[in-house]
Amino acid sequence: MTRVFVTGLRLQAEIGVHRHEIGKLQPLLVDVELDVPSAGPGRLADTVNYETILKAARAIAEGGHIELVETFADRLARTCMADPRVTRARVRVEKPLALAPDAVAAGAEIVLER
């Protein structure tokens, strides 16, 4: 098994349920881990390119207002699982400003498996 990952991905997204969050961009930190069968050394086409993770996360962030970080995490995990080679996706989304200055971040993590 190979684990493909992206950690500390910084995005700006319209996210939140509170009135002061509507229509406002906020920072998110996203970590993604994908398990895929090991293909051994080879070509980029033989594995999951982590740039596709970046593009998917950006597309979700740019897709309009999302109320919950759980929703963001679920959408990204399901997008990653659309690749039939992915057997497990773990997505963690943190909102650094959610509880500032009392906490570094708050968020959610989702794990999907086949």
PDB file of N, CA and C in Angstrom:
ATOM      1  N   MET A   1       0.853  -1.176   0.000  1.00  0.00           N
ATOM      2  CA  MET A   1       0.000   0.000   0.000  1.00  0.00           C
ATOM      3  C   MET A   1       0.896   1.236   0.000  1.00  0.00           C
ATOM      4  N   THR A   2       0.496   2.222  -0.765  1.00  0.00           N
ATOM      5  CA  THR A   2       1.186   3.507  -0.795  1.00  0.00           C
ATOM      6  C   THR A   2       0.250   4.557  -0.231  1.00  0.00           C
ATOM      7  N   ARG A   3       0.780   5.434   0.582  1.00  0.00           N
ATOM      8  CA  ARG A   3      -0.005   6.543   1.122  1.00  0.00           C
ATOM      9  C   ARG A   3       0.462   7.819   0.429  1.00  0.00           C
ATOM     10  N   VAL A   4      -0.449   8.415  -0.325  1.00  0.00           N
ATOM     11  CA  VAL A   4      -0.208   9.695  -0.982  1.00  0.00           C
ATOM     12  C   VAL A   4      -0.803  10.765  -0.080  1.00  0.00           C
ATOM     13  N   PHE A   5      -0.041  11.829   0.187  1.00  0.00           N
ATOM     14  CA  PHE A   5      -0.578  12.817   1.111  1.00  0.00           C
ATOM     15  C   PHE A   5      -0.217  14.250   0.725  1.00  0.00           C
ATOM     16  N   VAL A   6      -1.046  15.138   1.207  1.00  0.00           N
ATOM     17  CA  VAL A   6      -0.812  16.587   1.139  1.00  0.00           C
ATOM     18  C   VAL A   6      -1.115  17.104   2.536  1.00  0.00           C
ATOM     19  N   THR A   7      -0.191  17.837   3.136  1.00  0.00           N
ATOM     20  CA  THR A   7      -0.424  18.376   4.471  1.00  0.00           C
ATOM     21  C   THR A   7      -0.244  19.891   4.477  1.00  0.00           C
ATOM     22  N   GLY A   8      -1.026  20.526   5.317  1.00  0.00           N
ATOM     23  CA  GLY A   8      -0.900  21.970   5.489  1.00  0.00           C
ATOM     24  C   GLY A   8      -1.314  22.793   4.292  1.00  0.00           C
ATOM     25  N   LEU A   9      -2.222  22.264   3.490  1.00  0.00           N
ATOM     26  CA  LEU A   9      -2.714  23.009   2.335  1.00  0.00           C
ATOM     27  C   LEU A   9      -3.507  24.212   2.822  1.00  0.00           C
ATOM     28  N   ARG A  10      -3.102  25.397   2.405  1.00  0.00           N
ATOM     29  CA  ARG A  10      -3.763  26.629   2.829  1.00  0.00           C
ATOM     30  C   ARG A  10      -4.711  27.106   1.737  1.00  0.00           C
ATOM     31  N   LEU A  11      -5.957  27.304   2.139  1.00  0.00           N
ATOM     32  CA  LEU A  11      -6.992  27.768   1.226  1.00  0.00           C
ATOM     33  C   LEU A  11      -7.776  28.896   1.868  1.00  0.00           C
ATOM     34  N   GLN A  12      -8.459  29.657   1.051  1.00  0.00           N
ATOM     35  CA  GLN A  12      -9.424  30.656   1.506  1.00  0.00           C
ATOM     36  C   GLN A  12     -10.786  30.174   1.027  1.00  0.00           C
ATOM     37  N   ALA A  13     -11.755  30.164   1.921  1.00  0.00           N
ATOM     38  CA  ALA A  13     -13.084  29.683   1.553  1.00  0.00           C
ATOM     39  C   ALA A  13     -14.151  30.477   2.285  1.00  0.00           C
ATOM     40  N   GLU A  14     -15.310  30.592   1.647  1.00  0.00           N
ATOM     41  CA  GLU A  14     -16.487  31.136   2.322  1.00  0.00           C
ATOM     42  C   GLU A  14     -17.091  29.975   3.083  1.00  0.00           C
ATOM     43  N   ILE A  15     -16.908  29.982   4.405  1.00  0.00           N
ATOM     44  CA  ILE A  15     -17.341  28.850   5.206  1.00  0.00           C
ATOM     45  C   ILE A  15     -17.800  29.321   6.578  1.00  0.00           C
ATOM     46  N   GLY A  16     -18.881  28.730   7.044  1.00  0.00           N
ATOM     47  CA  GLY A  16     -19.359  29.033   8.379  1.00  0.00           C
ATOM     48  C   GLY A  16     -20.865  29.225   8.426  1.00  0.00           C
ATOM     49  N   VAL A  17     -21.413  29.101   9.628  1.00  0.00           N
ATOM     50  CA  VAL A  17     -22.853  29.229   9.821  1.00  0.00           C
ATOM     51  C   VAL A  17     -23.249  30.539  10.487  1.00  0.00           C
ATOM     52  N   HIS A  18     -22.297  31.228  11.057  1.00  0.00           N
ATOM     53  CA  HIS A  18     -22.608  32.467  11.769  1.00  0.00           C
ATOM     54  C   HIS A  18     -22.741  33.644  10.804  1.00  0.00           C
ATOM     55  N   ARG A  19     -23.574  34.581  11.178  1.00  0.00           N
ATOM     56  CA  ARG A  19     -23.843  35.750  10.322  1.00  0.00           C
ATOM     57  C   ARG A  19     -22.549  36.443   9.889  1.00  0.00           C
ATOM     58  N   HIS A  20     -21.603  36.594  10.805  1.00  0.00           N
ATOM     59  CA  HIS A  20     -20.353  37.296  10.468  1.00  0.00           C
ATOM     60  C   HIS A  20     -19.458  36.487   9.514  1.00  0.00           C
ATOM     61  N   GLU A  21     -19.797  35.219   9.274  1.00  0.00           N
ATOM     62  CA  GLU A  21     -19.008  34.383   8.361  1.00  0.00           C
ATOM     63  C   GLU A  21     -19.581  34.341   6.945  1.00  0.00           C
ATOM     64  N   ILE A  22     -20.806  34.766   6.791  1.00  0.00           N
ATOM     65  CA  ILE A  22     -21.462  34.704   5.483  1.00  0.00           C
ATOM     66  C   ILE A  22     -20.855  35.753   4.559  1.00  0.00           C
ATOM     67  N   GLY A  23     -20.463  35.307   3.376  1.00  0.00           N
ATOM     68  CA  GLY A  23     -19.895  36.210   2.380  1.00  0.00           C
ATOM     69  C   GLY A  23     -18.477  36.657   2.670  1.00  0.00           C
ATOM     70  N   LYS A  24     -17.824  35.987   3.583  1.00  0.00           N
ATOM     71  CA  LYS A  24     -16.461  36.365   3.974  1.00  0.00           C
ATOM     72  C   LYS A  24     -15.519  35.182   3.780  1.00  0.00           C
ATOM     73  N   LEU A  25     -14.374  35.441   3.162  1.00  0.00           N
ATOM     74  CA  LEU A  25     -13.362  34.400   3.022  1.00  0.00           C
ATOM     75  C   LEU A  25     -12.650  34.193   4.352  1.00  0.00           C
ATOM     76  N   GLN A  26     -12.395  32.924   4.673  1.00  0.00           N
ATOM     77  CA  GLN A  26     -11.662  32.566   5.878  1.00  0.00           C
ATOM     78  C   GLN A  26     -10.580  31.560   5.513  1.00  0.00           C
ATOM     79  N   PRO A  27      -9.486  31.557   6.264  1.00  0.00           N
ATOM     80  CA  PRO A  27      -8.442  30.569   5.982  1.00  0.00           C
ATOM     81  C   PRO A  27      -8.850  29.183   6.459  1.00  0.00           C
ATOM     82  N   LEU A  28      -8.430  28.193   5.696  1.00  0.00           N
ATOM     83  CA  LEU A  28      -8.569  26.788   6.063  1.00  0.00           C
ATOM     84  C   LEU A  28      -7.209  26.123   5.916  1.00  0.00           C
ATOM     85  N   LEU A  29      -6.956  25.141   6.757  1.00  0.00           N
ATOM     86  CA  LEU A  29      -5.800  24.268   6.606  1.00  0.00           C
ATOM     87  C   LEU A  29      -6.330  22.866   6.363  1.00  0.00           C
ATOM     88  N   VAL A  30      -5.838  22.220   5.314  1.00  0.00           N
ATOM     89  CA  VAL A  30      -6.368  20.922   4.910  1.00  0.00           C
ATOM     90  C   VAL A  30      -5.230  19.906   4.821  1.00  0.00           C
ATOM     91  N   ASP A  31      -5.477  18.730   5.417  1.00  0.00           N
ATOM     92  CA  ASP A  31      -4.576  17.589   5.287  1.00  0.00           C
ATOM     93  C   ASP A  31      -5.350  16.456   4.617  1.00  0.00           C
ATOM     94  N   VAL A  32      -4.703  15.790   3.679  1.00  0.00           N
ATOM     95  CA  VAL A  32      -5.332  14.674   2.971  1.00  0.00           C
ATOM     96  C   VAL A  32      -4.348  13.512   2.923  1.00  0.00           C
ATOM     97  N   GLU A  33      -4.847  12.315   3.228  1.00  0.00           N
ATOM     98  CA  GLU A  33      -4.083  11.080   3.048  1.00  0.00           C
ATOM     99  C   GLU A  33      -4.923  10.122   2.223  1.00  0.00           C
ATOM    100  N   LEU A  34      -4.318   9.563   1.198  1.00  0.00           N
ATOM    101  CA  LEU A  34      -5.000   8.588   0.351  1.00  0.00           C
ATOM    102  C   LEU A  34      -4.195   7.296   0.319  1.00  0.00           C
ATOM    103  N   ASP A  35      -4.853   6.172   0.547  1.00  0.00           N
ATOM    104  CA  ASP A  35      -4.208   4.880   0.399  1.00  0.00           C
ATOM    105  C   ASP A  35      -4.523   4.337  -0.985  1.00  0.00           C
ATOM    106  N   VAL A  36      -3.466   3.926  -1.686  1.00  0.00           N
ATOM    107  CA  VAL A  36      -3.606   3.339  -3.020  1.00  0.00           C
ATOM    108  C   VAL A  36      -2.710   2.108  -3.099  1.00  0.00           C
ATOM    109  N   PRO A  37      -3.084   1.128  -3.901  1.00  0.00           N
ATOM    110  CA  PRO A  37      -2.214  -0.045  -4.041  1.00  0.00           C
ATOM    111  C   PRO A  37      -0.838   0.364  -4.548  1.00  0.00           C
ATOM    112  N   SER A  38       0.183  -0.275  -4.027  1.00  0.00           N
ATOM    113  CA  SER A  38       1.549   0.023  -4.457  1.00  0.00           C
ATOM    114  C   SER A  38       1.774  -0.501  -5.858  1.00  0.00           C
ATOM    115  N   ALA A  39       2.226   0.397  -6.705  1.00  0.00           N
ATOM    116  CA  ALA A  39       2.526   0.009  -8.077  1.00  0.00           C
ATOM    117  C   ALA A  39       4.022  -0.124  -8.282  1.00  0.00           C
ATOM    118  N   GLY A  40       4.799   0.184  -7.255  1.00  0.00           N
ATOM    119  CA  GLY A  40       6.249   0.159  -7.394  1.00  0.00           C
ATOM    120  C   GLY A  40       6.705   1.393  -8.146  1.00  0.00           C
ATOM    121  N   PRO A  41       8.009   1.542  -8.280  1.00  0.00           N
ATOM    122  CA  PRO A  41       8.501   2.704  -9.022  1.00  0.00           C
ATOM    123  C   PRO A  41       8.019   2.644 -10.464  1.00  0.00           C
ATOM    124  N   GLY A  42       7.646   3.764 -10.954  1.00  0.00           N
ATOM    125  CA  GLY A  42       7.121   3.767 -12.313  1.00  0.00           C
ATOM    126  C   GLY A  42       6.863   5.168 -12.793  1.00  0.00           C
ATOM    127  N   ARG A  43       5.730   5.332 -13.402  1.00  0.00           N
ATOM    128  CA  ARG A  43       5.380   6.610 -14.006  1.00  0.00           C
ATOM    129  C   ARG A  43       4.332   7.318 -13.159  1.00  0.00           C
ATOM    130  N   LEU A  44       4.268   8.621 -13.326  1.00  0.00           N
ATOM    131  CA  LEU A  44       3.277   9.419 -12.630  1.00  0.00           C
ATOM    132  C   LEU A  44       1.870   8.915 -12.931  1.00  0.00           C
ATOM    133  N   ALA A  45       1.649   8.455 -14.136  1.00  0.00           N
ATOM    134  CA  ALA A  45       0.326   7.965 -14.532  1.00  0.00           C
ATOM    135  C   ALA A  45      -0.085   6.707 -13.759  1.00  0.00           C
ATOM    136  N   ASP A  46       0.889   6.049 -13.108  1.00  0.00           N
ATOM    137  CA  ASP A  46       0.595   4.822 -12.381  1.00  0.00           C
ATOM    138  C   ASP A  46       0.169   5.052 -10.935  1.00  0.00           C
ATOM    139  N   THR A  47       0.132   6.300 -10.506  1.00  0.00           N
ATOM    140  CA  THR A  47      -0.238   6.591  -9.127  1.00  0.00           C
ATOM    141  C   THR A  47      -1.201   7.770  -9.087  1.00  0.00           C
ATOM    142  N   VAL A  48      -1.657   8.105  -7.896  1.00  0.00           N
ATOM    143  CA  VAL A  48      -2.517   9.277  -7.723  1.00  0.00           C
ATOM    144  C   VAL A  48      -1.604  10.494  -7.588  1.00  0.00           C
ATOM    145  N   ASN A  49      -1.742  11.415  -8.490  1.00  0.00           N
ATOM    146  CA  ASN A  49      -0.933  12.627  -8.489  1.00  0.00           C
ATOM    147  C   ASN A  49      -1.466  13.571  -7.411  1.00  0.00           C
ATOM    148  N   TYR A  50      -0.619  13.962  -6.476  1.00  0.00           N
ATOM    149  CA  TYR A  50      -1.093  14.824  -5.397  1.00  0.00           C
ATOM    150  C   TYR A  50      -1.518  16.197  -5.863  1.00  0.00           C
ATOM    151  N   GLU A  51      -1.141  16.585  -7.059  1.00  0.00           N
ATOM    152  CA  GLU A  51      -1.634  17.850  -7.610  1.00  0.00           C
ATOM    153  C   GLU A  51      -3.140  17.795  -7.854  1.00  0.00           C
ATOM    154  N   THR A  52      -3.687  16.592  -8.099  1.00  0.00           N
ATOM    155  CA  THR A  52      -5.133  16.472  -8.269  1.00  0.00           C
ATOM    156  C   THR A  52      -5.862  16.743  -6.957  1.00  0.00           C
ATOM    157  N   ILE A  53      -5.216  16.439  -5.829  1.00  0.00           N
ATOM    158  CA  ILE A  53      -5.786  16.739  -4.520  1.00  0.00           C
ATOM    159  C   ILE A  53      -5.881  18.255  -4.349  1.00  0.00           C
ATOM    160  N   LEU A  54      -4.819  18.951  -4.690  1.00  0.00           N
ATOM    161  CA  LEU A  54      -4.798  20.411  -4.615  1.00  0.00           C
ATOM    162  C   LEU A  54      -5.897  21.021  -5.476  1.00  0.00           C
ATOM    163  N   LYS A  55      -6.013  20.557  -6.710  1.00  0.00           N
ATOM    164  CA  LYS A  55      -7.034  21.093  -7.620  1.00  0.00           C
ATOM    165  C   LYS A  55      -8.442  20.835  -7.102  1.00  0.00           C
ATOM    166  N   ALA A  56      -8.679  19.652  -6.551  1.00  0.00           N
ATOM    167  CA  ALA A  56     -10.006  19.326  -6.024  1.00  0.00           C
ATOM    168  C   ALA A  56     -10.341  20.203  -4.824  1.00  0.00           C
ATOM    169  N   ALA A  57      -9.399  20.394  -3.925  1.00  0.00           N
ATOM    170  CA  ALA A  57      -9.635  21.234  -2.746  1.00  0.00           C
ATOM    171  C   ALA A  57      -9.910  22.671  -3.154  1.00  0.00           C
ATOM    172  N   ARG A  58      -9.149  23.179  -4.103  1.00  0.00           N
ATOM    173  CA  ARG A  58      -9.378  24.552  -4.587  1.00  0.00           C
ATOM    174  C   ARG A  58     -10.749  24.693  -5.224  1.00  0.00           C
ATOM    175  N   ALA A  59     -11.141  23.705  -6.006  1.00  0.00           N
ATOM    176  CA  ALA A  59     -12.452  23.763  -6.663  1.00  0.00           C
ATOM    177  C   ALA A  59     -13.580  23.805  -5.641  1.00  0.00           C
ATOM    178  N   ILE A  60     -13.474  23.027  -4.583  1.00  0.00           N
ATOM    179  CA  ILE A  60     -14.494  23.035  -3.539  1.00  0.00           C
ATOM    180  C   ILE A  60     -14.510  24.391  -2.838  1.00  0.00           C
ATOM    181  N   ALA A  61     -13.335  24.917  -2.522  1.00  0.00           N
ATOM    182  CA  ALA A  61     -13.242  26.218  -1.854  1.00  0.00           C
ATOM    183  C   ALA A  61     -13.809  27.336  -2.718  1.00  0.00           C
ATOM    184  N   GLU A  62     -13.635  27.230  -4.011  1.00  0.00           N
ATOM    185  CA  GLU A  62     -14.095  28.271  -4.928  1.00  0.00           C
ATOM    186  C   GLU A  62     -15.541  28.064  -5.365  1.00  0.00           C
ATOM    187  N   GLY A  63     -16.171  26.984  -4.916  1.00  0.00           N
ATOM    188  CA  GLY A  63     -17.509  26.623  -5.368  1.00  0.00           C
ATOM    189  C   GLY A  63     -18.658  27.322  -4.670  1.00  0.00           C
ATOM    190  N   GLY A  64     -18.381  28.275  -3.818  1.00  0.00           N
ATOM    191  CA  GLY A  64     -19.449  28.977  -3.125  1.00  0.00           C
ATOM    192  C   GLY A  64     -19.466  28.653  -1.650  1.00  0.00           C
ATOM    193  N   HIS A  65     -20.367  29.300  -0.943  1.00  0.00           N
ATOM    194  CA  HIS A  65     -20.429  29.195   0.509  1.00  0.00           C
ATOM    195  C   HIS A  65     -20.741  27.769   0.976  1.00  0.00           C
ATOM    196  N   ILE A  66     -20.011  27.341   1.984  1.00  0.00           N
ATOM    197  CA  ILE A  66     -20.217  26.048   2.631  1.00  0.00           C
ATOM    198  C   ILE A  66     -20.437  26.341   4.110  1.00  0.00           C
ATOM    199  N   GLU A  67     -21.438  25.742   4.697  1.00  0.00           N
ATOM    200  CA  GLU A  67     -21.723  26.015   6.103  1.00  0.00           C
ATOM    201  C   GLU A  67     -20.746  25.343   7.062  1.00  0.00           C
ATOM    202  N   LEU A  68     -20.409  24.078   6.820  1.00  0.00           N
ATOM    203  CA  LEU A  68     -19.656  23.309   7.808  1.00  0.00           C
ATOM    204  C   LEU A  68     -18.334  22.779   7.257  1.00  0.00           C
ATOM    205  N   VAL A  69     -17.316  22.734   8.123  1.00  0.00           N
ATOM    206  CA  VAL A  69     -16.061  22.112   7.708  1.00  0.00           C
ATOM    207  C   VAL A  69     -16.270  20.630   7.436  1.00  0.00           C
ATOM    208  N   GLU A  70     -17.241  20.022   8.111  1.00  0.00           N
ATOM    209  CA  GLU A  70     -17.560  18.616   7.856  1.00  0.00           C
ATOM    210  C   GLU A  70     -18.004  18.412   6.409  1.00  0.00           C
ATOM    211  N   THR A  71     -18.765  19.366   5.892  1.00  0.00           N
ATOM    212  CA  THR A  71     -19.221  19.298   4.500  1.00  0.00           C
ATOM    213  C   THR A  71     -18.042  19.410   3.548  1.00  0.00           C
ATOM    214  N   PHE A  72     -17.146  20.359   3.832  1.00  0.00           N
ATOM    215  CA  PHE A  72     -15.954  20.521   2.998  1.00  0.00           C
ATOM    216  C   PHE A  72     -15.144  19.221   2.997  1.00  0.00           C
ATOM    217  N   ALA A  73     -14.897  18.668   4.182  1.00  0.00           N
ATOM    218  CA  ALA A  73     -14.105  17.443   4.291  1.00  0.00           C
ATOM    219  C   ALA A  73     -14.762  16.281   3.550  1.00  0.00           C
ATOM    220  N   ASP A  74     -16.069  16.154   3.692  1.00  0.00           N
ATOM    221  CA  ASP A  74     -16.788  15.076   3.027  1.00  0.00           C
ATOM    222  C   ASP A  74     -16.710  15.216   1.508  1.00  0.00           C
ATOM    223  N   ARG A  75     -16.909  16.419   1.010  1.00  0.00           N
ATOM    224  CA  ARG A  75     -16.835  16.620  -0.450  1.00  0.00           C
ATOM    225  C   ARG A  75     -15.458  16.278  -0.993  1.00  0.00           C
ATOM    226  N   LEU A  76     -14.428  16.700  -0.286  1.00  0.00           N
ATOM    227  CA  LEU A  76     -13.076  16.426  -0.763  1.00  0.00           C
ATOM    228  C   LEU A  76     -12.766  14.929  -0.682  1.00  0.00           C
ATOM    229  N   ALA A  77     -13.174  14.284   0.402  1.00  0.00           N
ATOM    230  CA  ALA A  77     -12.935  12.845   0.528  1.00  0.00           C
ATOM    231  C   ALA A  77     -13.659  12.073  -0.572  1.00  0.00           C
ATOM    232  N   ARG A  78     -14.897  12.439  -0.852  1.00  0.00           N
ATOM    233  CA  ARG A  78     -15.665  11.745  -1.895  1.00  0.00           C
ATOM    234  C   ARG A  78     -15.065  11.993  -3.280  1.00  0.00           C
ATOM    235  N   THR A  79     -14.561  13.194  -3.499  1.00  0.00           N
ATOM    236  CA  THR A  79     -13.899  13.486  -4.771  1.00  0.00           C
ATOM    237  C   THR A  79     -12.661  12.605  -4.929  1.00  0.00           C
ATOM    238  N   CYS A  80     -11.887  12.471  -3.868  1.00  0.00           N
ATOM    239  CA  CYS A  80     -10.701  11.611  -3.915  1.00  0.00           C
ATOM    240  C   CYS A  80     -11.068  10.151  -4.123  1.00  0.00           C
ATOM    241  N   MET A  81     -12.147   9.699  -3.479  1.00  0.00           N
ATOM    242  CA  MET A  81     -12.582   8.304  -3.615  1.00  0.00           C
ATOM    243  C   MET A  81     -13.151   8.000  -5.000  1.00  0.00           C
ATOM    244  N   ALA A  82     -13.420   9.030  -5.783  1.00  0.00           N
ATOM    245  CA  ALA A  82     -13.917   8.811  -7.146  1.00  0.00           C
ATOM    246  C   ALA A  82     -12.856   8.116  -8.004  1.00  0.00           C
ATOM    247  N   ASP A  83     -11.589   8.252  -7.615  1.00  0.00           N
ATOM    248  CA  ASP A  83     -10.522   7.519  -8.297  1.00  0.00           C
ATOM    249  C   ASP A  83     -10.586   6.076  -7.784  1.00  0.00           C
ATOM    250  N   PRO A  84     -10.842   5.108  -8.653  1.00  0.00           N
ATOM    251  CA  PRO A  84     -11.025   3.724  -8.199  1.00  0.00           C
ATOM    252  C   PRO A  84      -9.795   3.119  -7.535  1.00  0.00           C
ATOM    253  N   ARG A  85      -8.637   3.717  -7.717  1.00  0.00           N
ATOM    254  CA  ARG A  85      -7.420   3.200  -7.075  1.00  0.00           C
ATOM    255  C   ARG A  85      -7.360   3.548  -5.589  1.00  0.00           C
ATOM    256  N   VAL A  86      -8.101   4.569  -5.172  1.00  0.00           N
ATOM    257  CA  VAL A  86      -8.070   5.008  -3.777  1.00  0.00           C
ATOM    258  C   VAL A  86      -8.938   4.080  -2.937  1.00  0.00           C
ATOM    259  N   THR A  87      -8.325   3.455  -1.936  1.00  0.00           N
ATOM    260  CA  THR A  87      -9.064   2.545  -1.069  1.00  0.00           C
ATOM    261  C   THR A  87      -9.463   3.198   0.256  1.00  0.00           C
ATOM    262  N   ARG A  88      -8.795   4.267   0.621  1.00  0.00           N
ATOM    263  CA  ARG A  88      -9.092   4.983   1.864  1.00  0.00           C
ATOM    264  C   ARG A  88      -8.701   6.434   1.681  1.00  0.00           C
ATOM    265  N   ALA A  89      -9.572   7.331   2.148  1.00  0.00           N
ATOM    266  CA  ALA A  89      -9.282   8.764   2.120  1.00  0.00           C
ATOM    267  C   ALA A  89      -9.520   9.334   3.510  1.00  0.00           C
ATOM    268  N   ARG A  90      -8.523  10.041   4.010  1.00  0.00           N
ATOM    269  CA  ARG A  90      -8.657  10.757   5.281  1.00  0.00           C
ATOM    270  C   ARG A  90      -8.467  12.234   4.990  1.00  0.00           C
ATOM    271  N   VAL A  91      -9.457  13.039   5.342  1.00  0.00           N
ATOM    272  CA  VAL A  91      -9.396  14.479   5.100  1.00  0.00           C
ATOM    273  C   VAL A  91      -9.645  15.185   6.425  1.00  0.00           C
ATOM    274  N   ARG A  92      -8.748  16.079   6.771  1.00  0.00           N
ATOM    275  CA  ARG A  92      -8.852  16.892   7.988  1.00  0.00           C
ATOM    276  C   ARG A  92      -8.893  18.353   7.560  1.00  0.00           C
ATOM    277  N   VAL A  93      -9.902  19.084   8.048  1.00  0.00           N
ATOM    278  CA  VAL A  93     -10.062  20.493   7.717  1.00  0.00           C
ATOM    279  C   VAL A  93     -10.066  21.291   9.013  1.00  0.00           C
ATOM    280  N   GLU A  94      -9.192  22.283   9.084  1.00  0.00           N
ATOM    281  CA  GLU A  94      -9.094  23.131  10.265  1.00  0.00           C
ATOM    282  C   GLU A  94      -9.430  24.575   9.897  1.00  0.00           C
ATOM    283  N   LYS A  95     -10.179  25.239  10.787  1.00  0.00           N
ATOM    284  CA  LYS A  95     -10.460  26.671  10.678  1.00  0.00           C
ATOM    285  C   LYS A  95      -9.651  27.380  11.764  1.00  0.00           C
ATOM    286  N   PRO A  96      -8.543  28.013  11.393  1.00  0.00           N
ATOM    287  CA  PRO A  96      -7.697  28.651  12.393  1.00  0.00           C
ATOM    288  C   PRO A  96      -8.374  29.793  13.163  1.00  0.00           C
ATOM    289  N   LEU A  97      -9.344  30.450  12.573  1.00  0.00           N
ATOM    290  CA  LEU A  97      -9.973  31.589  13.239  1.00  0.00           C
ATOM    291  C   LEU A  97     -11.225  31.213  14.035  1.00  0.00           C
ATOM    292  N   ALA A  98     -11.641  29.966  13.985  1.00  0.00           N
ATOM    293  CA  ALA A  98     -12.916  29.558  14.572  1.00  0.00           C
ATOM    294  C   ALA A  98     -13.020  29.888  16.061  1.00  0.00           C
ATOM    295  N   LEU A  99     -11.984  29.643  16.813  1.00  0.00           N
ATOM    296  CA  LEU A  99     -12.016  29.887  18.251  1.00  0.00           C
ATOM    297  C   LEU A  99     -10.895  30.833  18.701  1.00  0.00           C
ATOM    298  N   ALA A 100     -10.360  31.593  17.748  1.00  0.00           N
ATOM    299  CA  ALA A 100      -9.268  32.521  18.060  1.00  0.00           C
ATOM    300  C   ALA A 100      -9.758  33.579  19.046  1.00  0.00           C
ATOM    301  N   PRO A 101      -8.975  33.973  19.976  1.00  0.00           N
ATOM    302  CA  PRO A 101      -7.580  33.586  20.227  1.00  0.00           C
ATOM    303  C   PRO A 101      -7.437  32.436  21.210  1.00  0.00           C
ATOM    304  N   ASP A 102      -8.528  31.780  21.548  1.00  0.00           N
ATOM    305  CA  ASP A 102      -8.499  30.751  22.583  1.00  0.00           C
ATOM    306  C   ASP A 102      -7.953  29.407  22.121  1.00  0.00           C
ATOM    307  N   ALA A 103      -7.960  29.150  20.825  1.00  0.00           N
ATOM    308  CA  ALA A 103      -7.457  27.879  20.301  1.00  0.00           C
ATOM    309  C   ALA A 103      -6.752  28.136  18.974  1.00  0.00           C
ATOM    310  N   VAL A 104      -5.802  27.291  18.661  1.00  0.00           N
ATOM    311  CA  VAL A 104      -5.067  27.408  17.405  1.00  0.00           C
ATOM    312  C   VAL A 104      -5.983  27.142  16.219  1.00  0.00           C
ATOM    313  N   ALA A 105      -6.897  26.186  16.363  1.00  0.00           N
ATOM    314  CA  ALA A 105      -7.826  25.853  15.285  1.00  0.00           C
ATOM    315  C   ALA A 105      -8.922  24.941  15.822  1.00  0.00           C
ATOM    316  N   ALA A 106      -9.991  24.857  15.062  1.00  0.00           N
ATOM    317  CA  ALA A 106     -11.055  23.891  15.291  1.00  0.00           C
ATOM    318  C   ALA A 106     -11.401  23.309  13.934  1.00  0.00           C
ATOM    319  N   GLY A 107     -11.961  22.123  13.911  1.00  0.00           N
ATOM    320  CA  GLY A 107     -12.290  21.545  12.614  1.00  0.00           C
ATOM    321  C   GLY A 107     -12.864  20.167  12.716  1.00  0.00           C
ATOM    322  N   ALA A 108     -12.726  19.431  11.620  1.00  0.00           N
ATOM    323  CA  ALA A 108     -13.288  18.091  11.536  1.00  0.00           C
ATOM    324  C   ALA A 108     -12.407  17.224  10.651  1.00  0.00           C
ATOM    325  N   GLU A 109     -12.517  15.933  10.872  1.00  0.00           N
ATOM    326  CA  GLU A 109     -11.788  14.953  10.079  1.00  0.00           C
ATOM    327  C   GLU A 109     -12.763  13.862   9.668  1.00  0.00           C
ATOM    328  N   ILE A 110     -12.640  13.424   8.438  1.00  0.00           N
ATOM    329  CA  ILE A 110     -13.486  12.349   7.942  1.00  0.00           C
ATOM    330  C   ILE A 110     -12.599  11.286   7.306  1.00  0.00           C
ATOM    331  N   VAL A 111     -12.985  10.024   7.473  1.00  0.00           N
ATOM    332  CA  VAL A 111     -12.279   8.918   6.857  1.00  0.00           C
ATOM    333  C   VAL A 111     -13.304   8.088   6.086  1.00  0.00           C
ATOM    334  N   LEU A 112     -13.046   7.879   4.802  1.00  0.00           N
ATOM    335  CA  LEU A 112     -13.882   7.020   3.974  1.00  0.00           C
ATOM    336  C   LEU A 112     -13.033   5.846   3.499  1.00  0.00           C
ATOM    337  N   GLU A 113     -13.644   4.651   3.473  1.00  0.00           N
ATOM    338  CA  GLU A 113     -12.949   3.448   3.016  1.00  0.00           C
ATOM    339  C   GLU A 113     -13.853   2.640   2.103  1.00  0.00           C
ATOM    340  N   ARG A 114     -13.233   1.897   1.188  1.00  0.00           N
ATOM    341  CA  ARG A 114     -13.984   0.962   0.344  1.00  0.00           C
ATOM    342  C   ARG A 114     -14.059  -0.364   1.046  1.00  0.00           C
TER     343      ARG A 114
END
